[in-house]
């Protein structure tokens, strides 16, 4: 029963993050969606301790993104700002492969907007 409840919680978080990504600029949405899908897939068979940490960090991400989306809606200038600075303490806890993955994400997120061949729907 607990496994079913936990799976439901993971699925709900996953869906909520993808909904929040709809508010991102198109190139960041594509990058974020791919990253989230890959991370959730990669941790499908993680240990209970890893799942606990995984869920905590993704809940923090969801909360941060949600507050930034709400702030951007309230901003009268239409200025969108997403992301936060990572604390050094968190970086110290990362494994080498996670640091490499974070660096790759930095490189992808700072490429020019035309890195994806995606067209926004014109409404």
C-alpha atoms as a PDB file:
ATOM      1  CA  UNK A   1       0.000   0.000   0.000  1.00  0.00           C
ATOM      2  CA  UNK A   2       2.801   2.431   0.878  1.00  0.00           C
ATOM      3  CA  UNK A   3       4.461   1.695  -2.457  1.00  0.00           C
ATOM      4  CA  UNK A   4       1.280   2.625  -4.303  1.00  0.00           C
ATOM      5  CA  UNK A   5       0.938   5.864  -2.323  1.00  0.00           C
ATOM      6  CA  UNK A   6       4.584   6.713  -2.938  1.00  0.00           C
ATOM      7  CA  UNK A   7       4.255   6.028  -6.676  1.00  0.00           C
ATOM      8  CA  UNK A   8       1.218   8.297  -6.773  1.00  0.00           C
ATOM      9  CA  UNK A   9       3.155  11.064  -5.018  1.00  0.00           C
ATOM     10  CA  UNK A  10       6.078  10.738  -7.454  1.00  0.00           C
ATOM     11  CA  UNK A  11       3.721  10.783 -10.448  1.00  0.00           C
ATOM     12  CA  UNK A  12       1.900  13.838  -9.104  1.00  0.00           C
ATOM     13  CA  UNK A  13       5.169  15.737  -8.583  1.00  0.00           C
ATOM     14  CA  UNK A  14       6.380  14.780 -12.058  1.00  0.00           C
ATOM     15  CA  UNK A  15       3.180  16.028 -13.683  1.00  0.00           C
ATOM     16  CA  UNK A  16       3.170  19.264 -11.673  1.00  0.00           C
ATOM     17  CA  UNK A  17       6.732  20.070 -12.736  1.00  0.00           C
ATOM     18  CA  UNK A  18       5.871  19.510 -16.399  1.00  0.00           C
ATOM     19  CA  UNK A  19       2.853  21.811 -16.031  1.00  0.00           C
ATOM     20  CA  UNK A  20       5.052  24.510 -14.482  1.00  0.00           C
ATOM     21  CA  UNK A  21       7.519  24.149 -17.362  1.00  0.00           C
ATOM     22  CA  UNK A  22       4.794  25.435 -19.687  1.00  0.00           C
ATOM     23  CA  UNK A  23       5.506  28.895 -18.273  1.00  0.00           C
ATOM     24  CA  UNK A  24       9.188  28.767 -19.237  1.00  0.00           C
ATOM     25  CA  UNK A  25      10.537  30.195 -22.475  1.00  0.00           C
ATOM     26  CA  UNK A  26      10.236  27.544 -25.192  1.00  0.00           C
ATOM     27  CA  UNK A  27      13.953  26.626 -25.285  1.00  0.00           C
ATOM     28  CA  UNK A  28      14.135  26.248 -21.507  1.00  0.00           C
ATOM     29  CA  UNK A  29      10.903  24.269 -21.455  1.00  0.00           C
ATOM     30  CA  UNK A  30      12.279  21.741 -23.942  1.00  0.00           C
ATOM     31  CA  UNK A  31      15.530  21.440 -21.998  1.00  0.00           C
ATOM     32  CA  UNK A  32      13.721  21.197 -18.653  1.00  0.00           C
ATOM     33  CA  UNK A  33      11.170  18.645 -19.845  1.00  0.00           C
ATOM     34  CA  UNK A  34      13.892  16.390 -21.232  1.00  0.00           C
ATOM     35  CA  UNK A  35      15.948  16.716 -18.063  1.00  0.00           C
ATOM     36  CA  UNK A  36      13.021  15.957 -15.745  1.00  0.00           C
ATOM     37  CA  UNK A  37      11.907  12.956 -17.796  1.00  0.00           C
ATOM     38  CA  UNK A  38      15.448  11.566 -17.820  1.00  0.00           C
ATOM     39  CA  UNK A  39      15.984  12.088 -14.081  1.00  0.00           C
ATOM     40  CA  UNK A  40      12.674  10.523 -13.053  1.00  0.00           C
ATOM     41  CA  UNK A  41      13.292   7.576 -15.391  1.00  0.00           C
ATOM     42  CA  UNK A  42      16.840   7.148 -14.084  1.00  0.00           C
ATOM     43  CA  UNK A  43      15.662   7.020 -10.465  1.00  0.00           C
ATOM     44  CA  UNK A  44      12.805   4.602 -11.072  1.00  0.00           C
ATOM     45  CA  UNK A  45      14.559   1.801  -9.171  1.00  0.00           C
ATOM     46  CA  UNK A  46      16.408   3.923  -6.612  1.00  0.00           C
ATOM     47  CA  UNK A  47      16.853   2.881  -3.006  1.00  0.00           C
ATOM     48  CA  UNK A  48      14.423   4.281  -0.406  1.00  0.00           C
ATOM     49  CA  UNK A  49      17.100   6.686   0.893  1.00  0.00           C
ATOM     50  CA  UNK A  50      17.839   7.950  -2.618  1.00  0.00           C
ATOM     51  CA  UNK A  51      14.104   8.359  -3.281  1.00  0.00           C
ATOM     52  CA  UNK A  52      13.756  10.424  -0.107  1.00  0.00           C
ATOM     53  CA  UNK A  53      16.538  12.817  -1.188  1.00  0.00           C
ATOM     54  CA  UNK A  54      15.333  12.820  -4.789  1.00  0.00           C
ATOM     55  CA  UNK A  55      11.795  13.762  -3.818  1.00  0.00           C
ATOM     56  CA  UNK A  56      12.953  16.460  -1.391  1.00  0.00           C
ATOM     57  CA  UNK A  57      15.106  18.154  -4.035  1.00  0.00           C
ATOM     58  CA  UNK A  58      12.449  17.958  -6.740  1.00  0.00           C
ATOM     59  CA  UNK A  59       9.808  19.287  -4.319  1.00  0.00           C
ATOM     60  CA  UNK A  60      12.145  22.227  -3.620  1.00  0.00           C
ATOM     61  CA  UNK A  61      12.551  22.769  -7.367  1.00  0.00           C
ATOM     62  CA  UNK A  62       8.781  22.674  -7.887  1.00  0.00           C
ATOM     63  CA  UNK A  63       8.174  25.130  -5.033  1.00  0.00           C
ATOM     64  CA  UNK A  64      10.844  27.529  -6.341  1.00  0.00           C
ATOM     65  CA  UNK A  65       9.583  27.377  -9.909  1.00  0.00           C
ATOM     66  CA  UNK A  66       5.981  27.788  -8.783  1.00  0.00           C
ATOM     67  CA  UNK A  67       6.784  30.907  -6.763  1.00  0.00           C
ATOM     68  CA  UNK A  68       8.805  32.341  -9.666  1.00  0.00           C
ATOM     69  CA  UNK A  69       5.925  31.717 -12.073  1.00  0.00           C
ATOM     70  CA  UNK A  70       3.528  33.480  -9.715  1.00  0.00           C
ATOM     71  CA  UNK A  71       5.950  36.402  -9.303  1.00  0.00           C
ATOM     72  CA  UNK A  72       6.340  36.728 -13.071  1.00  0.00           C
ATOM     73  CA  UNK A  73       2.562  36.872 -13.462  1.00  0.00           C
ATOM     74  CA  UNK A  74       2.422  39.711 -10.926  1.00  0.00           C
ATOM     75  CA  UNK A  75       5.337  41.612 -12.500  1.00  0.00           C
ATOM     76  CA  UNK A  76       3.856  44.552 -14.372  1.00  0.00           C
ATOM     77  CA  UNK A  77       6.890  44.831 -16.697  1.00  0.00           C
ATOM     78  CA  UNK A  78       6.460  41.274 -17.921  1.00  0.00           C
ATOM     79  CA  UNK A  79      10.000  40.453 -16.784  1.00  0.00           C
ATOM     80  CA  UNK A  80      10.582  36.719 -16.394  1.00  0.00           C
ATOM     81  CA  UNK A  81      13.356  35.478 -14.144  1.00  0.00           C
ATOM     82  CA  UNK A  82      13.769  31.807 -13.413  1.00  0.00           C
ATOM     83  CA  UNK A  83      16.338  29.933 -11.376  1.00  0.00           C
ATOM     84  CA  UNK A  84      18.260  30.481  -8.173  1.00  0.00           C
ATOM     85  CA  UNK A  85      21.909  30.445  -7.172  1.00  0.00           C
ATOM     86  CA  UNK A  86      23.014  27.104  -5.779  1.00  0.00           C
ATOM     87  CA  UNK A  87      24.453  27.094  -2.281  1.00  0.00           C
ATOM     88  CA  UNK A  88      28.055  25.931  -1.974  1.00  0.00           C
ATOM     89  CA  UNK A  89      27.083  23.438   0.733  1.00  0.00           C
ATOM     90  CA  UNK A  90      24.860  21.615  -1.756  1.00  0.00           C
ATOM     91  CA  UNK A  91      27.653  21.439  -4.326  1.00  0.00           C
ATOM     92  CA  UNK A  92      29.925  19.769  -1.786  1.00  0.00           C
ATOM     93  CA  UNK A  93      27.393  16.940  -1.449  1.00  0.00           C
ATOM     94  CA  UNK A  94      27.374  16.254  -5.210  1.00  0.00           C
ATOM     95  CA  UNK A  95      29.150  13.254  -6.667  1.00  0.00           C
ATOM     96  CA  UNK A  96      31.569  13.746  -9.574  1.00  0.00           C
ATOM     97  CA  UNK A  97      29.049  12.579 -12.172  1.00  0.00           C
ATOM     98  CA  UNK A  98      26.457  14.997 -10.766  1.00  0.00           C
ATOM     99  CA  UNK A  99      28.908  17.898 -11.077  1.00  0.00           C
ATOM    100  CA  UNK A 100      29.517  16.897 -14.687  1.00  0.00           C
ATOM    101  CA  UNK A 101      25.798  16.698 -15.336  1.00  0.00           C
ATOM    102  CA  UNK A 102      25.265  20.114 -13.760  1.00  0.00           C
ATOM    103  CA  UNK A 103      28.004  21.571 -15.959  1.00  0.00           C
ATOM    104  CA  UNK A 104      26.414  20.064 -19.083  1.00  0.00           C
ATOM    105  CA  UNK A 105      23.081  21.555 -18.045  1.00  0.00           C
ATOM    106  CA  UNK A 106      24.758  24.961 -17.633  1.00  0.00           C
ATOM    107  CA  UNK A 107      26.224  24.712 -21.127  1.00  0.00           C
ATOM    108  CA  UNK A 108      22.872  23.715 -22.643  1.00  0.00           C
ATOM    109  CA  UNK A 109      20.908  26.404 -20.821  1.00  0.00           C
ATOM    110  CA  UNK A 110      23.261  29.189 -21.911  1.00  0.00           C
ATOM    111  CA  UNK A 111      23.294  28.313 -25.610  1.00  0.00           C
ATOM    112  CA  UNK A 112      21.499  30.692 -27.969  1.00  0.00           C
ATOM    113  CA  UNK A 113      17.722  30.253 -28.085  1.00  0.00           C
ATOM    114  CA  UNK A 114      17.842  28.656 -31.519  1.00  0.00           C
ATOM    115  CA  UNK A 115      19.371  25.446 -30.185  1.00  0.00           C
ATOM    116  CA  UNK A 116      16.010  23.691 -30.532  1.00  0.00           C
ATOM    117  CA  UNK A 117      14.026  23.552 -33.716  1.00  0.00           C
ATOM    118  CA  UNK A 118      10.753  24.283 -31.925  1.00  0.00           C
ATOM    119  CA  UNK A 119       8.086  26.729 -32.946  1.00  0.00           C
ATOM    120  CA  UNK A 120       5.672  28.246 -30.477  1.00  0.00           C
ATOM    121  CA  UNK A 121       1.990  28.052 -31.326  1.00  0.00           C
ATOM    122  CA  UNK A 122       0.765  31.403 -32.559  1.00  0.00           C
ATOM    123  CA  UNK A 123      -2.550  32.227 -30.960  1.00  0.00           C
END
